[in-house]
Amino acid sequence: MFTRRHLRLLPLLLPLAAAACGSGPAARPVADNEYQDYRTKGDRGKMGGDQGLVFGIGKGAGTSGSQDGAALGVNAYLWRGALDTLAFMPLASADPFGGVIITDWYQPPTAGGERFKATAYILGRQLRADGIRVSIFRQVQQNGQWVDASVSQTTTGEIENKVLARARELRAQTASQ
């Protein structure tokens, strides 16, 4: 269900979506193993044993009549790594085909008067260090109101590194099966 907040983002995302559809000189065919969900083995169009896990919810959530849902639009290891890394924050929105994960505000129990929000962008179908971008937003409470505050670039880099480490771990687990 779309909210007003989603609709405000639409004008910003439409040019990105249009640019992603281009077939300029930088475009290249994508290998099947880059496009597949890491949980699927075999045909690109077949669901593997963990149906319903595209959004990371449920296990064996049912049978899907559509075979198009088997593959993500982005690298599945980075997608799952980002979901796993940001799992401590409440999830506001997740688009596995566009590669965007948006969390809701999270207030750590040990940090009164401070809250955080994260947005993760998976930028491609390859497991590469430059395939993930994370933005962290921080607010502090002043005079009963939430005010934007700066976030250290080190913090953002650490979160990106944790996503990459988790993605590599998932890939290693899949390769050993």
N, C-alpha and C. Protein backbone atom coordinates (compact mmCIF):
# COMPACT_ATOMS: atom_id res chain seq x y z
N MET A 1 0.84 -1.16 0.00
CA MET A 1 0.00 0.00 0.00
C MET A 1 0.90 1.24 0.00
N PHE A 2 0.63 2.14 -0.89
CA PHE A 2 1.42 3.35 -0.97
C PHE A 2 0.89 4.41 -0.03
N THR A 3 1.78 5.13 0.61
CA THR A 3 1.41 6.23 1.48
C THR A 3 1.81 7.53 0.80
N ARG A 4 1.46 8.62 1.42
CA ARG A 4 1.86 9.92 0.84
C ARG A 4 3.36 10.05 0.76
N ARG A 5 4.05 9.46 1.74
CA ARG A 5 5.51 9.52 1.74
C ARG A 5 6.06 8.83 0.50
N HIS A 6 5.46 7.69 0.13
CA HIS A 6 5.90 6.97 -1.08
C HIS A 6 5.64 7.80 -2.32
N LEU A 7 4.48 8.45 -2.35
CA LEU A 7 4.13 9.25 -3.53
C LEU A 7 5.06 10.44 -3.70
N ARG A 8 5.57 10.99 -2.59
CA ARG A 8 6.52 12.10 -2.69
C ARG A 8 7.84 11.64 -3.29
N LEU A 9 8.20 10.38 -3.10
CA LEU A 9 9.44 9.85 -3.64
C LEU A 9 9.34 9.50 -5.12
N LEU A 10 8.12 9.32 -5.61
CA LEU A 10 7.91 8.89 -6.98
C LEU A 10 8.60 9.78 -8.02
N PRO A 11 8.46 11.13 -7.95
CA PRO A 11 9.15 11.96 -8.95
C PRO A 11 10.67 11.81 -8.91
N LEU A 12 11.21 11.47 -7.74
CA LEU A 12 12.66 11.30 -7.63
C LEU A 12 13.12 9.96 -8.22
N LEU A 13 12.28 8.95 -8.09
CA LEU A 13 12.67 7.62 -8.52
C LEU A 13 12.39 7.34 -9.99
N LEU A 14 11.42 8.04 -10.59
CA LEU A 14 11.09 7.80 -11.99
C LEU A 14 12.27 8.04 -12.94
N PRO A 15 13.02 9.14 -12.79
CA PRO A 15 14.17 9.31 -13.69
C PRO A 15 15.22 8.21 -13.50
N LEU A 16 15.40 7.74 -12.27
CA LEU A 16 16.35 6.65 -12.04
C LEU A 16 15.88 5.37 -12.72
N ALA A 17 14.60 5.10 -12.63
CA ALA A 17 14.05 3.90 -13.26
C ALA A 17 14.19 3.99 -14.78
N ALA A 18 13.93 5.16 -15.33
CA ALA A 18 14.04 5.33 -16.78
C ALA A 18 15.49 5.17 -17.23
N ALA A 19 16.43 5.70 -16.45
CA ALA A 19 17.84 5.59 -16.81
C ALA A 19 18.31 4.14 -16.73
N ALA A 20 17.76 3.40 -15.79
CA ALA A 20 18.16 2.00 -15.63
C ALA A 20 17.69 1.14 -16.80
N CYS A 21 16.66 1.60 -17.51
CA CYS A 21 16.14 0.83 -18.64
C CYS A 21 16.92 1.05 -19.92
N GLY A 22 17.82 2.01 -19.93
CA GLY A 22 18.57 2.32 -21.13
C GLY A 22 19.47 1.17 -21.55
N SER A 23 19.77 1.12 -22.82
CA SER A 23 20.67 0.07 -23.32
C SER A 23 21.86 0.72 -24.00
N GLY A 24 22.49 1.63 -23.28
CA GLY A 24 23.64 2.32 -23.82
C GLY A 24 24.84 1.41 -23.92
N PRO A 25 26.01 1.96 -24.26
CA PRO A 25 27.20 1.15 -24.44
C PRO A 25 27.64 0.44 -23.17
N ALA A 26 27.24 0.93 -21.98
CA ALA A 26 27.67 0.29 -20.74
C ALA A 26 26.83 -0.94 -20.42
N ALA A 27 25.69 -1.10 -21.09
CA ALA A 27 24.82 -2.24 -20.80
C ALA A 27 25.48 -3.53 -21.28
N ARG A 28 25.29 -4.59 -20.51
CA ARG A 28 25.84 -5.88 -20.89
C ARG A 28 24.84 -6.94 -20.47
N PRO A 29 24.87 -8.09 -21.12
CA PRO A 29 23.97 -9.16 -20.71
C PRO A 29 24.32 -9.62 -19.30
N VAL A 30 23.33 -10.04 -18.57
CA VAL A 30 23.53 -10.50 -17.21
C VAL A 30 23.53 -12.02 -17.21
N ALA A 31 24.53 -12.60 -16.59
CA ALA A 31 24.59 -14.05 -16.50
C ALA A 31 23.47 -14.55 -15.59
N ASP A 32 22.97 -15.75 -15.87
CA ASP A 32 21.89 -16.31 -15.08
C ASP A 32 22.22 -16.38 -13.60
N ASN A 33 23.45 -16.71 -13.25
CA ASN A 33 23.78 -16.85 -11.84
C ASN A 33 23.81 -15.50 -11.11
N GLU A 34 23.91 -14.39 -11.83
CA GLU A 34 23.85 -13.08 -11.20
C GLU A 34 22.41 -12.66 -10.94
N TYR A 35 21.51 -13.14 -11.75
CA TYR A 35 20.12 -12.71 -11.67
C TYR A 35 19.30 -13.55 -10.72
N GLN A 36 19.74 -14.77 -10.47
CA GLN A 36 18.96 -15.69 -9.66
C GLN A 36 18.98 -15.32 -8.20
N ASP A 37 17.93 -15.68 -7.54
CA ASP A 37 17.86 -15.60 -6.10
C ASP A 37 18.81 -16.67 -5.57
N TYR A 38 19.60 -16.36 -4.56
CA TYR A 38 20.61 -17.30 -4.11
C TYR A 38 20.02 -18.58 -3.55
N ARG A 39 18.73 -18.58 -3.20
CA ARG A 39 18.12 -19.78 -2.66
C ARG A 39 17.66 -20.72 -3.76
N THR A 40 17.63 -20.27 -5.00
CA THR A 40 17.15 -21.13 -6.08
C THR A 40 18.32 -21.80 -6.75
N LYS A 41 18.11 -23.01 -7.11
CA LYS A 41 19.11 -23.74 -7.89
C LYS A 41 18.37 -24.34 -9.06
N GLY A 42 18.97 -24.36 -10.19
CA GLY A 42 18.30 -24.91 -11.35
C GLY A 42 17.80 -23.80 -12.24
N ASP A 43 16.62 -23.99 -12.82
CA ASP A 43 16.05 -23.05 -13.77
C ASP A 43 15.89 -21.66 -13.19
N ARG A 44 16.07 -20.66 -14.02
CA ARG A 44 15.89 -19.27 -13.62
C ARG A 44 14.45 -19.01 -13.24
N GLY A 45 13.51 -19.67 -13.87
CA GLY A 45 12.11 -19.41 -13.62
C GLY A 45 11.50 -20.26 -12.53
N LYS A 46 12.24 -21.18 -11.94
CA LYS A 46 11.69 -22.07 -10.93
C LYS A 46 11.98 -21.55 -9.54
N MET A 47 11.02 -21.70 -8.65
CA MET A 47 11.26 -21.33 -7.26
C MET A 47 12.01 -22.47 -6.60
N GLY A 48 12.90 -22.13 -5.69
CA GLY A 48 13.62 -23.13 -4.93
C GLY A 48 12.80 -23.56 -3.73
N GLY A 49 13.46 -24.11 -2.74
CA GLY A 49 12.80 -24.65 -1.59
C GLY A 49 12.26 -23.61 -0.63
N ASP A 50 12.68 -22.37 -0.71
CA ASP A 50 12.25 -21.34 0.22
C ASP A 50 11.32 -20.35 -0.45
N GLN A 51 10.21 -20.82 -0.96
CA GLN A 51 9.26 -19.92 -1.62
C GLN A 51 8.75 -18.91 -0.61
N GLY A 52 8.47 -17.72 -1.09
CA GLY A 52 7.94 -16.69 -0.22
C GLY A 52 9.01 -15.91 0.51
N LEU A 53 10.28 -16.18 0.27
CA LEU A 53 11.34 -15.49 0.98
C LEU A 53 11.90 -14.30 0.22
N VAL A 54 11.26 -13.89 -0.86
CA VAL A 54 11.75 -12.74 -1.62
C VAL A 54 11.84 -11.53 -0.71
N PHE A 55 10.87 -11.37 0.20
CA PHE A 55 10.88 -10.26 1.12
C PHE A 55 11.50 -10.64 2.46
N GLY A 56 11.98 -11.86 2.57
CA GLY A 56 12.61 -12.28 3.80
C GLY A 56 11.61 -12.67 4.87
N ILE A 57 10.39 -12.95 4.49
CA ILE A 57 9.35 -13.27 5.45
C ILE A 57 8.87 -14.68 5.19
N GLY A 58 8.76 -15.45 6.21
CA GLY A 58 8.15 -16.77 6.11
C GLY A 58 9.07 -17.80 5.49
N LYS A 59 8.67 -19.02 5.66
CA LYS A 59 9.41 -20.13 5.07
C LYS A 59 8.38 -21.04 4.45
N GLY A 60 8.50 -21.29 3.16
CA GLY A 60 7.52 -22.13 2.50
C GLY A 60 6.14 -21.51 2.57
N ALA A 61 6.05 -20.25 2.22
CA ALA A 61 4.81 -19.49 2.40
C ALA A 61 3.72 -19.90 1.44
N GLY A 62 3.94 -20.88 0.65
CA GLY A 62 2.90 -21.32 -0.28
C GLY A 62 3.48 -21.51 -1.65
N THR A 63 2.62 -21.87 -2.56
CA THR A 63 3.08 -22.08 -3.92
C THR A 63 2.73 -20.86 -4.74
N SER A 64 3.61 -20.54 -5.62
CA SER A 64 3.41 -19.36 -6.46
C SER A 64 3.05 -19.82 -7.86
N GLY A 65 1.95 -19.31 -8.37
CA GLY A 65 1.55 -19.67 -9.72
C GLY A 65 2.41 -18.96 -10.74
N SER A 66 2.98 -17.83 -10.37
CA SER A 66 3.81 -17.06 -11.29
C SER A 66 5.26 -17.49 -11.17
N GLN A 67 5.91 -17.69 -12.28
CA GLN A 67 7.31 -18.07 -12.24
C GLN A 67 8.21 -16.84 -12.32
N ASP A 68 7.64 -15.68 -12.51
CA ASP A 68 8.44 -14.47 -12.62
C ASP A 68 8.99 -14.03 -11.27
N GLY A 69 8.42 -14.48 -10.16
CA GLY A 69 8.83 -14.04 -8.84
C GLY A 69 10.09 -14.71 -8.34
N ALA A 70 10.67 -15.62 -9.10
CA ALA A 70 11.81 -16.38 -8.61
C ALA A 70 13.09 -15.56 -8.56
N ALA A 71 13.25 -14.57 -9.38
CA ALA A 71 14.50 -13.84 -9.46
C ALA A 71 14.32 -12.41 -8.97
N LEU A 72 15.35 -11.92 -8.30
CA LEU A 72 15.35 -10.53 -7.85
C LEU A 72 15.92 -9.65 -8.96
N GLY A 73 15.63 -8.37 -8.89
CA GLY A 73 16.17 -7.43 -9.87
C GLY A 73 17.58 -7.00 -9.52
N VAL A 74 18.07 -7.39 -8.34
CA VAL A 74 19.40 -7.01 -7.88
C VAL A 74 20.12 -8.25 -7.35
N ASN A 75 21.35 -8.09 -6.94
CA ASN A 75 22.11 -9.22 -6.42
C ASN A 75 21.45 -9.74 -5.14
N ALA A 76 21.10 -11.01 -5.15
CA ALA A 76 20.36 -11.61 -4.04
C ALA A 76 21.18 -11.67 -2.76
N TYR A 77 22.50 -11.86 -2.88
CA TYR A 77 23.33 -11.91 -1.68
C TYR A 77 23.38 -10.55 -1.00
N LEU A 78 23.54 -9.49 -1.78
CA LEU A 78 23.55 -8.14 -1.21
C LEU A 78 22.19 -7.79 -0.62
N TRP A 79 21.13 -8.21 -1.33
CA TRP A 79 19.77 -7.94 -0.85
C TRP A 79 19.56 -8.58 0.51
N ARG A 80 19.85 -9.86 0.60
CA ARG A 80 19.64 -10.59 1.86
C ARG A 80 20.60 -10.09 2.93
N GLY A 81 21.83 -9.77 2.54
CA GLY A 81 22.80 -9.24 3.50
C GLY A 81 22.34 -7.91 4.09
N ALA A 82 21.75 -7.06 3.25
CA ALA A 82 21.24 -5.77 3.74
C ALA A 82 20.05 -5.99 4.67
N LEU A 83 19.14 -6.89 4.29
CA LEU A 83 18.00 -7.19 5.16
C LEU A 83 18.46 -7.74 6.50
N ASP A 84 19.41 -8.66 6.47
CA ASP A 84 19.91 -9.26 7.71
C ASP A 84 20.63 -8.22 8.58
N THR A 85 21.43 -7.37 7.96
CA THR A 85 22.19 -6.38 8.71
C THR A 85 21.28 -5.33 9.35
N LEU A 86 20.23 -4.94 8.64
CA LEU A 86 19.33 -3.90 9.15
C LEU A 86 18.13 -4.48 9.90
N ALA A 87 18.16 -5.78 10.19
CA ALA A 87 17.01 -6.46 10.80
C ALA A 87 16.66 -5.92 12.19
N PHE A 88 17.61 -5.28 12.87
CA PHE A 88 17.33 -4.75 14.19
C PHE A 88 16.45 -3.50 14.14
N MET A 89 16.31 -2.91 12.96
CA MET A 89 15.47 -1.72 12.77
C MET A 89 14.14 -2.15 12.15
N PRO A 90 13.04 -1.47 12.50
CA PRO A 90 11.75 -1.83 11.88
C PRO A 90 11.76 -1.51 10.38
N LEU A 91 11.26 -2.43 9.59
CA LEU A 91 11.24 -2.28 8.14
C LEU A 91 10.04 -1.44 7.72
N ALA A 92 10.28 -0.39 6.96
CA ALA A 92 9.19 0.46 6.45
C ALA A 92 8.81 0.07 5.03
N SER A 93 9.82 -0.25 4.21
CA SER A 93 9.57 -0.55 2.81
C SER A 93 10.73 -1.37 2.25
N ALA A 94 10.40 -2.31 1.36
CA ALA A 94 11.43 -3.11 0.70
C ALA A 94 11.00 -3.40 -0.73
N ASP A 95 11.83 -3.01 -1.68
CA ASP A 95 11.56 -3.25 -3.09
C ASP A 95 12.67 -4.12 -3.66
N PRO A 96 12.44 -5.44 -3.75
CA PRO A 96 13.51 -6.33 -4.20
C PRO A 96 13.84 -6.19 -5.68
N PHE A 97 12.97 -5.60 -6.46
CA PHE A 97 13.24 -5.44 -7.89
C PHE A 97 13.98 -4.14 -8.16
N GLY A 98 13.70 -3.11 -7.38
CA GLY A 98 14.43 -1.85 -7.49
C GLY A 98 15.65 -1.80 -6.60
N GLY A 99 15.71 -2.71 -5.61
CA GLY A 99 16.88 -2.78 -4.74
C GLY A 99 16.92 -1.71 -3.66
N VAL A 100 15.78 -1.33 -3.12
CA VAL A 100 15.74 -0.29 -2.09
C VAL A 100 15.10 -0.86 -0.83
N ILE A 101 15.79 -0.68 0.29
CA ILE A 101 15.28 -1.06 1.60
C ILE A 101 15.25 0.19 2.46
N ILE A 102 14.09 0.49 3.02
CA ILE A 102 13.93 1.67 3.86
C ILE A 102 13.43 1.21 5.22
N THR A 103 14.14 1.61 6.26
CA THR A 103 13.70 1.28 7.61
C THR A 103 12.90 2.44 8.19
N ASP A 104 12.20 2.13 9.24
CA ASP A 104 11.50 3.17 10.00
C ASP A 104 12.46 3.66 11.08
N TRP A 105 12.07 4.68 11.80
CA TRP A 105 12.92 5.21 12.86
C TRP A 105 13.13 4.17 13.94
N TYR A 106 14.36 4.06 14.40
CA TYR A 106 14.73 3.13 15.46
C TYR A 106 15.42 3.92 16.57
N GLN A 107 14.93 3.73 17.77
CA GLN A 107 15.53 4.41 18.92
C GLN A 107 16.20 3.35 19.80
N PRO A 108 17.53 3.33 19.83
CA PRO A 108 18.22 2.33 20.67
C PRO A 108 17.85 2.52 22.14
N PRO A 109 17.68 1.41 22.85
CA PRO A 109 17.30 1.53 24.27
C PRO A 109 18.35 2.25 25.11
N THR A 110 19.61 2.17 24.69
CA THR A 110 20.69 2.80 25.47
C THR A 110 20.91 4.27 25.10
N ALA A 111 20.28 4.73 24.05
CA ALA A 111 20.50 6.11 23.58
C ALA A 111 19.19 6.89 23.63
N GLY A 112 18.84 7.35 24.79
CA GLY A 112 17.62 8.15 24.92
C GLY A 112 17.77 9.48 24.21
N GLY A 113 16.71 9.92 23.57
CA GLY A 113 16.74 11.20 22.88
C GLY A 113 17.47 11.17 21.55
N GLU A 114 17.67 9.99 20.99
CA GLU A 114 18.35 9.86 19.71
C GLU A 114 17.69 8.72 18.94
N ARG A 115 17.50 8.91 17.63
CA ARG A 115 16.93 7.85 16.81
C ARG A 115 17.58 7.83 15.43
N PHE A 116 17.47 6.67 14.77
CA PHE A 116 18.14 6.46 13.49
C PHE A 116 17.18 5.85 12.48
N LYS A 117 17.48 6.11 11.23
CA LYS A 117 16.73 5.54 10.11
C LYS A 117 17.77 5.22 9.03
N ALA A 118 17.52 4.15 8.26
CA ALA A 118 18.49 3.76 7.23
C ALA A 118 17.78 3.49 5.92
N THR A 119 18.49 3.77 4.84
CA THR A 119 18.05 3.41 3.49
C THR A 119 19.22 2.71 2.82
N ALA A 120 18.97 1.51 2.31
CA ALA A 120 20.01 0.75 1.60
C ALA A 120 19.62 0.65 0.14
N TYR A 121 20.59 0.89 -0.73
CA TYR A 121 20.40 0.79 -2.17
C TYR A 121 21.32 -0.30 -2.70
N ILE A 122 20.76 -1.33 -3.29
CA ILE A 122 21.57 -2.34 -3.96
C ILE A 122 21.63 -1.90 -5.42
N LEU A 123 22.84 -1.69 -5.92
CA LEU A 123 23.02 -0.98 -7.18
C LEU A 123 23.23 -1.87 -8.40
N GLY A 124 23.24 -3.16 -8.24
CA GLY A 124 23.45 -3.99 -9.41
C GLY A 124 23.22 -5.45 -9.12
N ARG A 125 23.57 -6.26 -10.09
CA ARG A 125 23.34 -7.69 -9.99
C ARG A 125 24.61 -8.47 -9.66
N GLN A 126 25.70 -7.77 -9.45
CA GLN A 126 26.95 -8.44 -9.11
C GLN A 126 27.27 -8.19 -7.64
N LEU A 127 27.93 -9.16 -7.02
CA LEU A 127 28.38 -9.01 -5.64
C LEU A 127 29.72 -8.29 -5.68
N ARG A 128 29.64 -6.96 -5.54
CA ARG A 128 30.83 -6.11 -5.57
C ARG A 128 30.74 -5.10 -4.44
N ALA A 129 31.89 -4.60 -4.03
CA ALA A 129 31.93 -3.63 -2.93
C ALA A 129 31.17 -2.36 -3.27
N ASP A 130 31.16 -1.96 -4.53
CA ASP A 130 30.44 -0.75 -4.90
C ASP A 130 28.99 -1.04 -5.28
N GLY A 131 28.50 -2.22 -4.96
CA GLY A 131 27.13 -2.60 -5.27
C GLY A 131 26.13 -2.25 -4.19
N ILE A 132 26.60 -1.67 -3.09
CA ILE A 132 25.71 -1.30 -1.99
C ILE A 132 26.01 0.12 -1.52
N ARG A 133 24.96 0.88 -1.30
CA ARG A 133 25.08 2.22 -0.72
C ARG A 133 24.07 2.30 0.41
N VAL A 134 24.53 2.75 1.56
CA VAL A 134 23.65 2.89 2.72
C VAL A 134 23.67 4.35 3.15
N SER A 135 22.50 4.87 3.42
CA SER A 135 22.37 6.22 3.98
C SER A 135 21.76 6.07 5.37
N ILE A 136 22.41 6.69 6.33
CA ILE A 136 21.92 6.67 7.70
C ILE A 136 21.47 8.08 8.06
N PHE A 137 20.29 8.16 8.66
CA PHE A 137 19.76 9.44 9.10
C PHE A 137 19.65 9.40 10.62
N ARG A 138 20.00 10.50 11.25
CA ARG A 138 20.00 10.57 12.72
C ARG A 138 19.25 11.81 13.16
N GLN A 139 18.47 11.66 14.21
CA GLN A 139 17.79 12.79 14.81
C GLN A 139 17.98 12.75 16.31
N VAL A 140 18.08 13.93 16.90
CA VAL A 140 18.17 14.05 18.35
C VAL A 140 16.98 14.88 18.83
N GLN A 141 16.58 14.61 20.05
CA GLN A 141 15.43 15.32 20.59
C GLN A 141 15.91 16.57 21.33
N GLN A 142 15.38 17.71 20.90
CA GLN A 142 15.70 18.99 21.52
C GLN A 142 14.40 19.73 21.79
N ASN A 143 14.18 20.07 23.03
CA ASN A 143 12.96 20.79 23.43
C ASN A 143 11.70 20.06 22.99
N GLY A 144 11.71 18.74 23.09
CA GLY A 144 10.54 17.95 22.74
C GLY A 144 10.32 17.73 21.25
N GLN A 145 11.25 18.16 20.40
CA GLN A 145 11.11 18.00 18.95
C GLN A 145 12.32 17.26 18.41
N TRP A 146 12.09 16.47 17.36
CA TRP A 146 13.18 15.76 16.71
C TRP A 146 13.86 16.69 15.72
N VAL A 147 15.19 16.78 15.84
CA VAL A 147 15.98 17.66 14.98
C VAL A 147 17.05 16.82 14.29
N ASP A 148 17.23 17.04 12.98
CA ASP A 148 18.24 16.31 12.22
C ASP A 148 19.63 16.57 12.79
N ALA A 149 20.44 15.53 12.81
CA ALA A 149 21.82 15.62 13.29
C ALA A 149 22.71 14.89 12.30
N SER A 150 23.99 15.20 12.36
CA SER A 150 24.93 14.58 11.42
C SER A 150 25.25 13.14 11.82
N VAL A 151 25.65 12.38 10.81
CA VAL A 151 26.05 10.99 11.00
C VAL A 151 27.47 10.86 10.47
N SER A 152 28.29 10.18 11.22
CA SER A 152 29.68 9.98 10.81
C SER A 152 29.75 9.11 9.56
N GLN A 153 30.63 9.47 8.63
CA GLN A 153 30.84 8.65 7.43
C GLN A 153 31.39 7.28 7.81
N THR A 154 32.08 7.21 8.94
CA THR A 154 32.60 5.94 9.43
C THR A 154 31.45 4.98 9.73
N THR A 155 30.39 5.50 10.34
CA THR A 155 29.23 4.68 10.66
C THR A 155 28.61 4.10 9.39
N THR A 156 28.41 4.94 8.40
CA THR A 156 27.84 4.49 7.13
C THR A 156 28.74 3.43 6.49
N GLY A 157 30.04 3.66 6.49
CA GLY A 157 30.99 2.70 5.93
C GLY A 157 30.97 1.37 6.67
N GLU A 158 30.84 1.43 8.00
CA GLU A 158 30.79 0.20 8.79
C GLU A 158 29.55 -0.63 8.45
N ILE A 159 28.41 0.04 8.29
CA ILE A 159 27.17 -0.67 7.93
C ILE A 159 27.32 -1.31 6.55
N GLU A 160 27.87 -0.56 5.59
CA GLU A 160 28.08 -1.11 4.25
C GLU A 160 29.01 -2.33 4.31
N ASN A 161 30.06 -2.26 5.12
CA ASN A 161 30.99 -3.38 5.25
C ASN A 161 30.32 -4.59 5.88
N LYS A 162 29.43 -4.36 6.83
CA LYS A 162 28.70 -5.48 7.45
C LYS A 162 27.77 -6.14 6.44
N VAL A 163 27.14 -5.33 5.59
CA VAL A 163 26.27 -5.89 4.54
C VAL A 163 27.10 -6.75 3.60
N LEU A 164 28.26 -6.23 3.18
CA LEU A 164 29.13 -6.98 2.28
C LEU A 164 29.63 -8.28 2.92
N ALA A 165 30.00 -8.22 4.19
CA ALA A 165 30.48 -9.41 4.88
C ALA A 165 29.37 -10.45 4.96
N ARG A 166 28.16 -10.02 5.27
CA ARG A 166 27.03 -10.95 5.35
C ARG A 166 26.73 -11.55 3.97
N ALA A 167 26.80 -10.72 2.92
CA ALA A 167 26.55 -11.20 1.56
C ALA A 167 27.59 -12.25 1.16
N ARG A 168 28.84 -12.02 1.50
CA ARG A 168 29.90 -12.99 1.19
C ARG A 168 29.68 -14.30 1.97
N GLU A 169 29.24 -14.15 3.22
CA GLU A 169 28.95 -15.32 4.04
C GLU A 169 27.82 -16.15 3.43
N LEU A 170 26.78 -15.47 2.96
CA LEU A 170 25.66 -16.17 2.31
C LEU A 170 26.11 -16.88 1.04
N ARG A 171 26.96 -16.20 0.25
CA ARG A 171 27.47 -16.82 -0.97
C ARG A 171 28.30 -18.06 -0.65
N ALA A 172 29.13 -17.97 0.39
CA ALA A 172 29.96 -19.11 0.79
C ALA A 172 29.08 -20.28 1.26
N GLN A 173 28.02 -19.97 1.99
CA GLN A 173 27.10 -21.01 2.45
C GLN A 173 26.43 -21.71 1.26
N THR A 174 26.04 -20.92 0.28
CA THR A 174 25.38 -21.47 -0.91
C THR A 174 26.36 -22.34 -1.70
N ALA A 175 27.60 -21.90 -1.83
CA ALA A 175 28.60 -22.64 -2.60
C ALA A 175 28.95 -23.97 -1.94
N SER A 176 28.85 -24.03 -0.61
CA SER A 176 29.21 -25.26 0.09
C SER A 176 28.07 -26.27 0.15
N GLN A 177 26.89 -25.88 -0.31
CA GLN A 177 25.74 -26.79 -0.28
C GLN A 177 25.72 -27.73 -1.45
